[in-house]
């Protein structure tokens, strides 16, 4: 389960766009490929399917800042927290603020519409 400080940091980061995370590819295509790979290899089959298919459709259309935001909102969380947020299963109180993040809502809607 994510710690309160970590969650507060993630919520605060949503307002600081255009932050380039360290150790990230500098060119757009490499960053897209890296994130698409991470989306399909989270270690939980359900998430690999949902995020993998979502990433195949949307990541190639995203710019560097959007990729960075998606990574910090979704992929930097623990796998079980991503699962709980996206599938609305036992969302802990400390994760509730994250439900309002752009990519949490976008991917959740994608999954719940049955597009997977």
PDB file of N, CA and C in Angstrom:
ATOM      1  N   UNK A   1       0.850  -1.176   0.000  1.00  0.00           N
ATOM      2  CA  UNK A   1       0.000   0.000   0.000  1.00  0.00           C
ATOM      3  C   UNK A   1       0.892   1.233   0.000  1.00  0.00           C
ATOM      4  N   UNK A   2       0.511   2.205  -0.749  1.00  0.00           N
ATOM      5  CA  UNK A   2       1.306   3.426  -0.860  1.00  0.00           C
ATOM      6  C   UNK A   2       1.263   4.233   0.429  1.00  0.00           C
ATOM      7  N   UNK A   3       2.366   4.863   0.756  1.00  0.00           N
ATOM      8  CA  UNK A   3       2.409   5.678   1.961  1.00  0.00           C
ATOM      9  C   UNK A   3       1.730   7.014   1.702  1.00  0.00           C
ATOM     10  N   UNK A   4       1.302   7.673   2.792  1.00  0.00           N
ATOM     11  CA  UNK A   4       0.622   8.959   2.663  1.00  0.00           C
ATOM     12  C   UNK A   4       1.521  10.010   2.018  1.00  0.00           C
ATOM     13  N   UNK A   5       2.786  10.045   2.393  1.00  0.00           N
ATOM     14  CA  UNK A   5       3.704  11.030   1.820  1.00  0.00           C
ATOM     15  C   UNK A   5       3.859  10.824   0.321  1.00  0.00           C
ATOM     16  N   UNK A   6       3.934   9.574  -0.094  1.00  0.00           N
ATOM     17  CA  UNK A   6       4.065   9.276  -1.516  1.00  0.00           C
ATOM     18  C   UNK A   6       2.832   9.761  -2.263  1.00  0.00           C
ATOM     19  N   UNK A   7       1.655   9.494  -1.722  1.00  0.00           N
ATOM     20  CA  UNK A   7       0.407   9.909  -2.361  1.00  0.00           C
ATOM     21  C   UNK A   7       0.334  11.429  -2.427  1.00  0.00           C
ATOM     22  N   UNK A   8       0.660  12.096  -1.352  1.00  0.00           N
ATOM     23  CA  UNK A   8       0.631  13.560  -1.347  1.00  0.00           C
ATOM     24  C   UNK A   8       1.601  14.116  -2.385  1.00  0.00           C
ATOM     25  N   UNK A   9       2.744  13.478  -2.532  1.00  0.00           N
ATOM     26  CA  UNK A   9       3.723  13.911  -3.527  1.00  0.00           C
ATOM     27  C   UNK A   9       3.152  13.751  -4.934  1.00  0.00           C
ATOM     28  N   UNK A  10       2.501  12.625  -5.204  1.00  0.00           N
ATOM     29  CA  UNK A  10       1.916  12.378  -6.520  1.00  0.00           C
ATOM     30  C   UNK A  10       0.825  13.396  -6.840  1.00  0.00           C
ATOM     31  N   UNK A  11      -0.009  13.705  -5.863  1.00  0.00           N
ATOM     32  CA  UNK A  11      -1.074  14.678  -6.077  1.00  0.00           C
ATOM     33  C   UNK A  11      -0.473  16.053  -6.353  1.00  0.00           C
ATOM     34  N   UNK A  12       0.572  16.408  -5.628  1.00  0.00           N
ATOM     35  CA  UNK A  12       1.228  17.699  -5.841  1.00  0.00           C
ATOM     36  C   UNK A  12       1.884  17.759  -7.215  1.00  0.00           C
ATOM     37  N   UNK A  13       2.419  16.644  -7.680  1.00  0.00           N
ATOM     38  CA  UNK A  13       3.115  16.619  -8.968  1.00  0.00           C
ATOM     39  C   UNK A  13       2.183  16.823 -10.144  1.00  0.00           C
ATOM     40  N   UNK A  14       0.910  16.536  -9.973  1.00  0.00           N
ATOM     41  CA  UNK A  14      -0.008  16.713 -11.092  1.00  0.00           C
ATOM     42  C   UNK A  14      -0.100  18.172 -11.514  1.00  0.00           C
ATOM     43  N   UNK A  15       0.245  19.072 -10.611  1.00  0.00           N
ATOM     44  CA  UNK A  15       0.183  20.485 -10.918  1.00  0.00           C
ATOM     45  C   UNK A  15       1.501  21.019 -11.475  1.00  0.00           C
ATOM     46  N   UNK A  16       2.521  20.193 -11.482  1.00  0.00           N
ATOM     47  CA  UNK A  16       3.821  20.623 -11.986  1.00  0.00           C
ATOM     48  C   UNK A  16       4.125  19.868 -13.260  1.00  0.00           C
ATOM     49  N   UNK A  17       3.498  20.251 -14.330  1.00  0.00           N
ATOM     50  CA  UNK A  17       3.714  19.603 -15.614  1.00  0.00           C
ATOM     51  C   UNK A  17       5.059  20.046 -16.170  1.00  0.00           C
ATOM     52  N   UNK A  18       5.492  19.373 -17.205  1.00  0.00           N
ATOM     53  CA  UNK A  18       6.743  19.667 -17.894  1.00  0.00           C
ATOM     54  C   UNK A  18       7.978  19.343 -17.051  1.00  0.00           C
ATOM     55  N   UNK A  19       7.829  18.533 -16.020  1.00  0.00           N
ATOM     56  CA  UNK A  19       8.991  18.070 -15.271  1.00  0.00           C
ATOM     57  C   UNK A  19       9.532  16.853 -16.013  1.00  0.00           C
ATOM     58  N   UNK A  20      10.776  16.889 -16.354  1.00  0.00           N
ATOM     59  CA  UNK A  20      11.403  15.752 -17.018  1.00  0.00           C
ATOM     60  C   UNK A  20      11.999  14.864 -15.932  1.00  0.00           C
ATOM     61  N   UNK A  21      11.483  13.660 -15.846  1.00  0.00           N
ATOM     62  CA  UNK A  21      11.968  12.732 -14.838  1.00  0.00           C
ATOM     63  C   UNK A  21      13.378  12.274 -15.189  1.00  0.00           C
ATOM     64  N   UNK A  22      14.203  12.020 -14.184  1.00  0.00           N
ATOM     65  CA  UNK A  22      15.584  11.605 -14.463  1.00  0.00           C
ATOM     66  C   UNK A  22      15.637  10.221 -15.118  1.00  0.00           C
ATOM     67  N   UNK A  23      16.689   9.994 -15.849  1.00  0.00           N
ATOM     68  CA  UNK A  23      16.947   8.704 -16.502  1.00  0.00           C
ATOM     69  C   UNK A  23      15.864   8.304 -17.486  1.00  0.00           C
ATOM     70  N   UNK A  24      15.316   9.267 -18.180  1.00  0.00           N
ATOM     71  CA  UNK A  24      14.313   8.986 -19.198  1.00  0.00           C
ATOM     72  C   UNK A  24      14.916   9.271 -20.572  1.00  0.00           C
ATOM     73  N   UNK A  25      14.477   8.530 -21.581  1.00  0.00           N
ATOM     74  CA  UNK A  25      14.972   8.822 -22.938  1.00  0.00           C
ATOM     75  C   UNK A  25      14.667  10.263 -23.314  1.00  0.00           C
ATOM     76  N   UNK A  26      15.561  10.862 -24.048  1.00  0.00           N
ATOM     77  CA  UNK A  26      15.359  12.254 -24.432  1.00  0.00           C
ATOM     78  C   UNK A  26      14.565  12.389 -25.730  1.00  0.00           C
ATOM     79  N   UNK A  27      14.532  11.348 -26.546  1.00  0.00           N
ATOM     80  CA  UNK A  27      13.751  11.448 -27.776  1.00  0.00           C
ATOM     81  C   UNK A  27      12.369  10.817 -27.585  1.00  0.00           C
ATOM     82  N   UNK A  28      11.404  11.371 -28.243  1.00  0.00           N
ATOM     83  CA  UNK A  28      10.006  11.005 -28.069  1.00  0.00           C
ATOM     84  C   UNK A  28       9.738   9.543 -28.399  1.00  0.00           C
ATOM     85  N   UNK A  29      10.239   9.062 -29.517  1.00  0.00           N
ATOM     86  CA  UNK A  29       9.956   7.686 -29.937  1.00  0.00           C
ATOM     87  C   UNK A  29      10.472   6.660 -28.923  1.00  0.00           C
ATOM     88  N   UNK A  30      11.665   6.867 -28.413  1.00  0.00           N
ATOM     89  CA  UNK A  30      12.224   5.940 -27.421  1.00  0.00           C
ATOM     90  C   UNK A  30      11.411   5.953 -26.131  1.00  0.00           C
ATOM     91  N   UNK A  31      10.973   7.140 -25.725  1.00  0.00           N
ATOM     92  CA  UNK A  31      10.163   7.265 -24.512  1.00  0.00           C
ATOM     93  C   UNK A  31       8.819   6.559 -24.695  1.00  0.00           C
ATOM     94  N   UNK A  32       8.209   6.709 -25.860  1.00  0.00           N
ATOM     95  CA  UNK A  32       6.946   6.024 -26.146  1.00  0.00           C
ATOM     96  C   UNK A  32       7.141   4.511 -26.080  1.00  0.00           C
ATOM     97  N   UNK A  33       8.191   4.014 -26.702  1.00  0.00           N
ATOM     98  CA  UNK A  33       8.461   2.576 -26.682  1.00  0.00           C
ATOM     99  C   UNK A  33       8.694   2.070 -25.263  1.00  0.00           C
ATOM    100  N   UNK A  34       9.453   2.844 -24.467  1.00  0.00           N
ATOM    101  CA  UNK A  34       9.733   2.440 -23.098  1.00  0.00           C
ATOM    102  C   UNK A  34       8.440   2.329 -22.286  1.00  0.00           C
ATOM    103  N   UNK A  35       7.566   3.336 -22.404  1.00  0.00           N
ATOM    104  CA  UNK A  35       6.324   3.324 -21.631  1.00  0.00           C
ATOM    105  C   UNK A  35       5.368   2.241 -22.117  1.00  0.00           C
ATOM    106  N   UNK A  36       5.317   2.004 -23.407  1.00  0.00           N
ATOM    107  CA  UNK A  36       4.464   0.928 -23.919  1.00  0.00           C
ATOM    108  C   UNK A  36       4.944  -0.422 -23.391  1.00  0.00           C
ATOM    109  N   UNK A  37       6.250  -0.594 -23.316  1.00  0.00           N
ATOM    110  CA  UNK A  37       6.796  -1.834 -22.755  1.00  0.00           C
ATOM    111  C   UNK A  37       6.432  -1.962 -21.278  1.00  0.00           C
ATOM    112  N   UNK A  38       6.586  -0.883 -20.522  1.00  0.00           N
ATOM    113  CA  UNK A  38       6.247  -0.919 -19.091  1.00  0.00           C
ATOM    114  C   UNK A  38       4.759  -1.197 -18.881  1.00  0.00           C
ATOM    115  N   UNK A  39       3.911  -0.659 -19.750  1.00  0.00           N
ATOM    116  CA  UNK A  39       2.462  -0.862 -19.624  1.00  0.00           C
ATOM    117  C   UNK A  39       2.066  -2.317 -19.834  1.00  0.00           C
ATOM    118  N   UNK A  40       2.858  -3.068 -20.573  1.00  0.00           N
ATOM    119  CA  UNK A  40       2.527  -4.469 -20.833  1.00  0.00           C
ATOM    120  C   UNK A  40       3.289  -5.432 -19.931  1.00  0.00           C
ATOM    121  N   UNK A  41       4.092  -4.906 -19.016  1.00  0.00           N
ATOM    122  CA  UNK A  41       4.904  -5.762 -18.146  1.00  0.00           C
ATOM    123  C   UNK A  41       4.861  -5.305 -16.701  1.00  0.00           C
ATOM    124  N   UNK A  42       3.662  -5.156 -16.165  1.00  0.00           N
ATOM    125  CA  UNK A  42       3.503  -4.722 -14.781  1.00  0.00           C
ATOM    126  C   UNK A  42       3.506  -5.892 -13.803  1.00  0.00           C
ATOM    127  N   UNK A  43       3.357  -7.096 -14.308  1.00  0.00           N
ATOM    128  CA  UNK A  43       3.397  -8.261 -13.440  1.00  0.00           C
ATOM    129  C   UNK A  43       2.034  -8.743 -12.975  1.00  0.00           C
ATOM    130  N   UNK A  44       0.989  -8.121 -13.473  1.00  0.00           N
ATOM    131  CA  UNK A  44      -0.375  -8.549 -13.160  1.00  0.00           C
ATOM    132  C   UNK A  44      -1.116  -8.623 -14.498  1.00  0.00           C
ATOM    133  N   UNK A  45      -1.544  -9.813 -14.855  1.00  0.00           N
ATOM    134  CA  UNK A  45      -2.082 -10.051 -16.192  1.00  0.00           C
ATOM    135  C   UNK A  45      -3.199  -9.077 -16.582  1.00  0.00           C
ATOM    136  N   UNK A  46      -4.112  -8.800 -15.639  1.00  0.00           N
ATOM    137  CA  UNK A  46      -5.224  -7.896 -15.938  1.00  0.00           C
ATOM    138  C   UNK A  46      -4.713  -6.511 -16.322  1.00  0.00           C
ATOM    139  N   UNK A  47      -3.743  -6.006 -15.565  1.00  0.00           N
ATOM    140  CA  UNK A  47      -3.183  -4.689 -15.862  1.00  0.00           C
ATOM    141  C   UNK A  47      -2.377  -4.702 -17.147  1.00  0.00           C
ATOM    142  N   UNK A  48      -1.647  -5.772 -17.375  1.00  0.00           N
ATOM    143  CA  UNK A  48      -0.875  -5.868 -18.612  1.00  0.00           C
ATOM    144  C   UNK A  48      -1.793  -5.777 -19.828  1.00  0.00           C
ATOM    145  N   UNK A  49      -2.968  -6.395 -19.743  1.00  0.00           N
ATOM    146  CA  UNK A  49      -3.920  -6.355 -20.857  1.00  0.00           C
ATOM    147  C   UNK A  49      -4.529  -4.967 -20.990  1.00  0.00           C
ATOM    148  N   UNK A  50      -5.042  -4.434 -19.887  1.00  0.00           N
ATOM    149  CA  UNK A  50      -5.706  -3.126 -19.929  1.00  0.00           C
ATOM    150  C   UNK A  50      -4.735  -2.033 -20.367  1.00  0.00           C
ATOM    151  N   UNK A  51      -3.640  -1.893 -19.635  1.00  0.00           N
ATOM    152  CA  UNK A  51      -2.689  -0.823 -19.951  1.00  0.00           C
ATOM    153  C   UNK A  51      -1.959  -1.074 -21.265  1.00  0.00           C
ATOM    154  N   UNK A  52      -1.718  -2.336 -21.583  1.00  0.00           N
ATOM    155  CA  UNK A  52      -1.052  -2.649 -22.845  1.00  0.00           C
ATOM    156  C   UNK A  52      -1.879  -2.218 -24.035  1.00  0.00           C
ATOM    157  N   UNK A  53      -3.148  -2.551 -24.020  1.00  0.00           N
ATOM    158  CA  UNK A  53      -4.013  -2.160 -25.139  1.00  0.00           C
ATOM    159  C   UNK A  53      -4.261  -0.665 -25.171  1.00  0.00           C
ATOM    160  N   UNK A  54      -4.425  -0.068 -23.988  1.00  0.00           N
ATOM    161  CA  UNK A  54      -4.604   1.381 -23.945  1.00  0.00           C
ATOM    162  C   UNK A  54      -3.358   2.074 -24.499  1.00  0.00           C
ATOM    163  N   UNK A  55      -2.197   1.601 -24.080  1.00  0.00           N
ATOM    164  CA  UNK A  55      -0.954   2.250 -24.513  1.00  0.00           C
ATOM    165  C   UNK A  55      -0.725   2.090 -26.013  1.00  0.00           C
ATOM    166  N   UNK A  56      -1.090   0.957 -26.583  1.00  0.00           N
ATOM    167  CA  UNK A  56      -0.929   0.767 -28.026  1.00  0.00           C
ATOM    168  C   UNK A  56      -1.767   1.769 -28.812  1.00  0.00           C
ATOM    169  N   UNK A  57      -2.923   2.112 -28.271  1.00  0.00           N
ATOM    170  CA  UNK A  57      -3.812   3.038 -28.968  1.00  0.00           C
ATOM    171  C   UNK A  57      -3.443   4.504 -28.744  1.00  0.00           C
ATOM    172  N   UNK A  58      -3.053   4.862 -27.516  1.00  0.00           N
ATOM    173  CA  UNK A  58      -2.911   6.276 -27.177  1.00  0.00           C
ATOM    174  C   UNK A  58      -1.477   6.784 -27.043  1.00  0.00           C
ATOM    175  N   UNK A  59      -0.557   5.970 -26.594  1.00  0.00           N
ATOM    176  CA  UNK A  59       0.811   6.438 -26.362  1.00  0.00           C
ATOM    177  C   UNK A  59       1.466   6.970 -27.633  1.00  0.00           C
ATOM    178  N   UNK A  60       1.294   6.343 -28.798  1.00  0.00           N
ATOM    179  CA  UNK A  60       1.926   6.895 -30.001  1.00  0.00           C
ATOM    180  C   UNK A  60       1.439   8.298 -30.378  1.00  0.00           C
ATOM    181  N   UNK A  61       0.301   8.715 -29.863  1.00  0.00           N
ATOM    182  CA  UNK A  61      -0.253  10.043 -30.164  1.00  0.00           C
ATOM    183  C   UNK A  61       0.148  11.096 -29.133  1.00  0.00           C
ATOM    184  N   UNK A  62       0.841  10.685 -28.079  1.00  0.00           N
ATOM    185  CA  UNK A  62       1.151  11.589 -26.972  1.00  0.00           C
ATOM    186  C   UNK A  62       2.489  12.278 -27.178  1.00  0.00           C
ATOM    187  N   UNK A  63       2.585  13.530 -26.671  1.00  0.00           N
ATOM    188  CA  UNK A  63       3.861  14.239 -26.713  1.00  0.00           C
ATOM    189  C   UNK A  63       4.658  13.903 -25.449  1.00  0.00           C
ATOM    190  N   UNK A  64       5.869  14.435 -25.366  1.00  0.00           N
ATOM    191  CA  UNK A  64       6.776  14.085 -24.270  1.00  0.00           C
ATOM    192  C   UNK A  64       6.207  14.457 -22.903  1.00  0.00           C
ATOM    193  N   UNK A  65       5.588  15.626 -22.801  1.00  0.00           N
ATOM    194  CA  UNK A  65       5.035  16.075 -21.522  1.00  0.00           C
ATOM    195  C   UNK A  65       3.869  15.197 -21.081  1.00  0.00           C
ATOM    196  N   UNK A  66       3.026  14.795 -22.036  1.00  0.00           N
ATOM    197  CA  UNK A  66       1.907  13.900 -21.709  1.00  0.00           C
ATOM    198  C   UNK A  66       2.417  12.538 -21.254  1.00  0.00           C
ATOM    199  N   UNK A  67       3.442  12.046 -21.907  1.00  0.00           N
ATOM    200  CA  UNK A  67       4.041  10.768 -21.496  1.00  0.00           C
ATOM    201  C   UNK A  67       4.594  10.863 -20.081  1.00  0.00           C
ATOM    202  N   UNK A  68       5.260  11.947 -19.806  1.00  0.00           N
ATOM    203  CA  UNK A  68       5.831  12.169 -18.488  1.00  0.00           C
ATOM    204  C   UNK A  68       4.727  12.218 -17.423  1.00  0.00           C
ATOM    205  N   UNK A  69       3.644  12.908 -17.735  1.00  0.00           N
ATOM    206  CA  UNK A  69       2.527  13.007 -16.796  1.00  0.00           C
ATOM    207  C   UNK A  69       1.884  11.636 -16.570  1.00  0.00           C
ATOM    208  N   UNK A  70       1.666  10.888 -17.642  1.00  0.00           N
ATOM    209  CA  UNK A  70       1.072   9.556 -17.517  1.00  0.00           C
ATOM    210  C   UNK A  70       1.965   8.645 -16.684  1.00  0.00           C
ATOM    211  N   UNK A  71       3.257   8.720 -16.909  1.00  0.00           N
ATOM    212  CA  UNK A  71       4.179   7.888 -16.148  1.00  0.00           C
ATOM    213  C   UNK A  71       4.121   8.222 -14.661  1.00  0.00           C
ATOM    214  N   UNK A  72       4.124   9.503 -14.331  1.00  0.00           N
ATOM    215  CA  UNK A  72       4.123   9.888 -12.917  1.00  0.00           C
ATOM    216  C   UNK A  72       2.776   9.607 -12.254  1.00  0.00           C
ATOM    217  N   UNK A  73       1.675   9.701 -13.002  1.00  0.00           N
ATOM    218  CA  UNK A  73       0.355   9.445 -12.422  1.00  0.00           C
ATOM    219  C   UNK A  73       0.052   7.960 -12.278  1.00  0.00           C
ATOM    220  N   UNK A  74       0.518   7.149 -13.205  1.00  0.00           N
ATOM    221  CA  UNK A  74       0.148   5.735 -13.235  1.00  0.00           C
ATOM    222  C   UNK A  74       1.323   4.813 -12.925  1.00  0.00           C
ATOM    223  N   UNK A  75       2.329   4.842 -13.748  1.00  0.00           N
ATOM    224  CA  UNK A  75       3.370   3.813 -13.701  1.00  0.00           C
ATOM    225  C   UNK A  75       4.304   3.909 -12.508  1.00  0.00           C
ATOM    226  N   UNK A  76       4.348   5.045 -11.837  1.00  0.00           N
ATOM    227  CA  UNK A  76       5.208   5.161 -10.658  1.00  0.00           C
ATOM    228  C   UNK A  76       4.546   4.614  -9.391  1.00  0.00           C
ATOM    229  N   UNK A  77       3.290   4.222  -9.487  1.00  0.00           N
ATOM    230  CA  UNK A  77       2.583   3.638  -8.343  1.00  0.00           C
ATOM    231  C   UNK A  77       2.901   2.149  -8.235  1.00  0.00           C
ATOM    232  N   UNK A  78       2.634   1.567  -7.066  1.00  0.00           N
ATOM    233  CA  UNK A  78       2.743   0.117  -6.901  1.00  0.00           C
ATOM    234  C   UNK A  78       1.690  -0.557  -7.772  1.00  0.00           C
ATOM    235  N   UNK A  79       1.998  -1.741  -8.249  1.00  0.00           N
ATOM    236  CA  UNK A  79       1.095  -2.459  -9.140  1.00  0.00           C
ATOM    237  C   UNK A  79      -0.282  -2.660  -8.511  1.00  0.00           C
ATOM    238  N   UNK A  80      -0.338  -3.024  -7.262  1.00  0.00           N
ATOM    239  CA  UNK A  80      -1.630  -3.259  -6.622  1.00  0.00           C
ATOM    240  C   UNK A  80      -2.431  -1.966  -6.498  1.00  0.00           C
ATOM    241  N   UNK A  81      -1.744  -0.843  -6.300  1.00  0.00           N
ATOM    242  CA  UNK A  81      -2.431   0.441  -6.242  1.00  0.00           C
ATOM    243  C   UNK A  81      -2.989   0.825  -7.613  1.00  0.00           C
ATOM    244  N   UNK A  82      -2.241   0.541  -8.670  1.00  0.00           N
ATOM    245  CA  UNK A  82      -2.736   0.800 -10.030  1.00  0.00           C
ATOM    246  C   UNK A  82      -3.988  -0.033 -10.267  1.00  0.00           C
ATOM    247  N   UNK A  83      -3.924  -1.305  -9.909  1.00  0.00           N
ATOM    248  CA  UNK A  83      -5.067  -2.203 -10.077  1.00  0.00           C
ATOM    249  C   UNK A  83      -6.290  -1.673  -9.333  1.00  0.00           C
ATOM    250  N   UNK A  84      -6.115  -1.311  -8.072  1.00  0.00           N
ATOM    251  CA  UNK A  84      -7.233  -0.819  -7.272  1.00  0.00           C
ATOM    252  C   UNK A  84      -7.814   0.476  -7.836  1.00  0.00           C
ATOM    253  N   UNK A  85      -6.957   1.380  -8.278  1.00  0.00           N
ATOM    254  CA  UNK A  85      -7.432   2.643  -8.835  1.00  0.00           C
ATOM    255  C   UNK A  85      -8.189   2.448 -10.145  1.00  0.00           C
ATOM    256  N   UNK A  86      -7.619   1.683 -11.042  1.00  0.00           N
ATOM    257  CA  UNK A  86      -8.222   1.550 -12.367  1.00  0.00           C
ATOM    258  C   UNK A  86      -9.486   0.714 -12.362  1.00  0.00           C
ATOM    259  N   UNK A  87      -9.518  -0.307 -11.526  1.00  0.00           N
ATOM    260  CA  UNK A  87     -10.683  -1.184 -11.512  1.00  0.00           C
ATOM    261  C   UNK A  87     -11.619  -0.899 -10.340  1.00  0.00           C
ATOM    262  N   UNK A  88     -11.312   0.150  -9.591  1.00  0.00           N
ATOM    263  CA  UNK A  88     -12.134   0.608  -8.471  1.00  0.00           C
ATOM    264  C   UNK A  88     -12.411  -0.508  -7.469  1.00  0.00           C
ATOM    265  N   UNK A  89     -11.357  -1.228  -7.136  1.00  0.00           N
ATOM    266  CA  UNK A  89     -11.456  -2.308  -6.167  1.00  0.00           C
ATOM    267  C   UNK A  89     -10.776  -1.865  -4.877  1.00  0.00           C
ATOM    268  N   UNK A  90     -11.508  -1.807  -3.799  1.00  0.00           N
ATOM    269  CA  UNK A  90     -10.946  -1.481  -2.484  1.00  0.00           C
ATOM    270  C   UNK A  90      -9.971  -0.306  -2.546  1.00  0.00           C
ATOM    271  N   UNK A  91     -10.434   0.826  -3.007  1.00  0.00           N
ATOM    272  CA  UNK A  91      -9.564   1.995  -3.085  1.00  0.00           C
ATOM    273  C   UNK A  91      -9.356   2.540  -1.682  1.00  0.00           C
ATOM    274  N   UNK A  92      -8.132   2.501  -1.209  1.00  0.00           N
ATOM    275  CA  UNK A  92      -7.803   2.975   0.133  1.00  0.00           C
ATOM    276  C   UNK A  92      -8.002   4.485   0.217  1.00  0.00           C
ATOM    277  N   UNK A  93      -8.265   4.958   1.412  1.00  0.00           N
ATOM    278  CA  UNK A  93      -8.518   6.382   1.620  1.00  0.00           C
ATOM    279  C   UNK A  93      -7.366   7.251   1.115  1.00  0.00           C
ATOM    280  N   UNK A  94      -6.130   6.804   1.313  1.00  0.00           N
ATOM    281  CA  UNK A  94      -5.013   7.622   0.866  1.00  0.00           C
ATOM    282  C   UNK A  94      -4.886   7.673  -0.656  1.00  0.00           C
ATOM    283  N   UNK A  95      -5.548   6.732  -1.353  1.00  0.00           N
ATOM    284  CA  UNK A  95      -5.522   6.744  -2.813  1.00  0.00           C
ATOM    285  C   UNK A  95      -6.672   7.545  -3.424  1.00  0.00           C
ATOM    286  N   UNK A  96      -7.659   7.882  -2.638  1.00  0.00           N
ATOM    287  CA  UNK A  96      -8.836   8.602  -3.150  1.00  0.00           C
ATOM    288  C   UNK A  96      -8.473   9.862  -3.941  1.00  0.00           C
ATOM    289  N   UNK A  97      -7.522  10.699  -3.477  1.00  0.00           N
ATOM    290  CA  UNK A  97      -7.190  11.896  -4.268  1.00  0.00           C
ATOM    291  C   UNK A  97      -6.659  11.572  -5.667  1.00  0.00           C
ATOM    292  N   UNK A  98      -6.046  10.405  -5.822  1.00  0.00           N
ATOM    293  CA  UNK A  98      -5.489  10.027  -7.122  1.00  0.00           C
ATOM    294  C   UNK A  98      -6.565   9.671  -8.137  1.00  0.00           C
ATOM    295  N   UNK A  99      -7.774   9.387  -7.674  1.00  0.00           N
ATOM    296  CA  UNK A  99      -8.850   9.027  -8.591  1.00  0.00           C
ATOM    297  C   UNK A  99      -9.195  10.158  -9.545  1.00  0.00           C
ATOM    298  N   UNK A 100      -8.863  11.375  -9.177  1.00  0.00           N
ATOM    299  CA  UNK A 100      -9.190  12.542  -9.999  1.00  0.00           C
ATOM    300  C   UNK A 100      -8.124  12.860 -11.047  1.00  0.00           C
ATOM    301  N   UNK A 101      -7.018  12.150 -11.034  1.00  0.00           N
ATOM    302  CA  UNK A 101      -5.960  12.419 -11.995  1.00  0.00           C
ATOM    303  C   UNK A 101      -6.419  12.071 -13.408  1.00  0.00           C
ATOM    304  N   UNK A 102      -5.922  12.823 -14.369  1.00  0.00           N
ATOM    305  CA  UNK A 102      -6.347  12.705 -15.772  1.00  0.00           C
ATOM    306  C   UNK A 102      -6.223  11.279 -16.317  1.00  0.00           C
ATOM    307  N   UNK A 103      -5.060  10.682 -16.190  1.00  0.00           N
ATOM    308  CA  UNK A 103      -4.843   9.385 -16.814  1.00  0.00           C
ATOM    309  C   UNK A 103      -5.480   8.239 -16.033  1.00  0.00           C
ATOM    310  N   UNK A 104      -5.664   8.407 -14.743  1.00  0.00           N
ATOM    311  CA  UNK A 104      -6.416   7.401 -13.977  1.00  0.00           C
ATOM    312  C   UNK A 104      -7.834   7.334 -14.526  1.00  0.00           C
ATOM    313  N   UNK A 105      -8.462   8.477 -14.718  1.00  0.00           N
ATOM    314  CA  UNK A 105      -9.829   8.507 -15.228  1.00  0.00           C
ATOM    315  C   UNK A 105      -9.896   8.019 -16.671  1.00  0.00           C
ATOM    316  N   UNK A 106      -8.950   8.447 -17.486  1.00  0.00           N
ATOM    317  CA  UNK A 106      -8.956   8.070 -18.899  1.00  0.00           C
ATOM    318  C   UNK A 106      -8.817   6.554 -19.086  1.00  0.00           C
ATOM    319  N   UNK A 107      -7.860   5.959 -18.385  1.00  0.00           N
ATOM    320  CA  UNK A 107      -7.637   4.518 -18.528  1.00  0.00           C
ATOM    321  C   UNK A 107      -8.790   3.736 -17.891  1.00  0.00           C
ATOM    322  N   UNK A 108      -9.293   4.209 -16.768  1.00  0.00           N
ATOM    323  CA  UNK A 108     -10.433   3.559 -16.117  1.00  0.00           C
ATOM    324  C   UNK A 108     -11.636   3.550 -17.061  1.00  0.00           C
ATOM    325  N   UNK A 109     -11.926   4.678 -17.685  1.00  0.00           N
ATOM    326  CA  UNK A 109     -13.054   4.744 -18.621  1.00  0.00           C
ATOM    327  C   UNK A 109     -12.838   3.820 -19.804  1.00  0.00           C
ATOM    328  N   UNK A 110     -11.630   3.760 -20.297  1.00  0.00           N
ATOM    329  CA  UNK A 110     -11.289   2.866 -21.396  1.00  0.00           C
ATOM    330  C   UNK A 110     -11.549   1.409 -21.024  1.00  0.00           C
ATOM    331  N   UNK A 111     -11.115   1.037 -19.832  1.00  0.00           N
ATOM    332  CA  UNK A 111     -11.301  -0.344 -19.365  1.00  0.00           C
ATOM    333  C   UNK A 111     -12.761  -0.664 -19.113  1.00  0.00           C
ATOM    334  N   UNK A 112     -13.481   0.252 -18.497  1.00  0.00           N
ATOM    335  CA  UNK A 112     -14.867  -0.005 -18.126  1.00  0.00           C
ATOM    336  C   UNK A 112     -15.812   0.021 -19.305  1.00  0.00           C
ATOM    337  N   UNK A 113     -15.418   0.661 -20.404  1.00  0.00           N
ATOM    338  CA  UNK A 113     -16.240   0.665 -21.611  1.00  0.00           C
ATOM    339  C   UNK A 113     -16.154  -0.668 -22.349  1.00  0.00           C
ATOM    340  N   UNK A 114     -15.273  -1.515 -21.891  1.00  0.00           N
ATOM    341  CA  UNK A 114     -15.143  -2.824 -22.537  1.00  0.00           C
ATOM    342  C   UNK A 114     -14.340  -2.782 -23.813  1.00  0.00           C
ATOM    343  N   UNK A 115     -13.500  -1.769 -23.961  1.00  0.00           N
ATOM    344  CA  UNK A 115     -12.685  -1.657 -25.159  1.00  0.00           C
ATOM    345  C   UNK A 115     -11.454  -2.527 -25.116  1.00  0.00           C
ATOM    346  N   UNK A 116     -11.334  -3.300 -24.047  1.00  0.00           N
ATOM    347  CA  UNK A 116     -10.172  -4.169 -23.942  1.00  0.00           C
ATOM    348  C   UNK A 116     -10.538  -5.509 -24.439  1.00  0.00           C
TER     349      UNK A 116
END
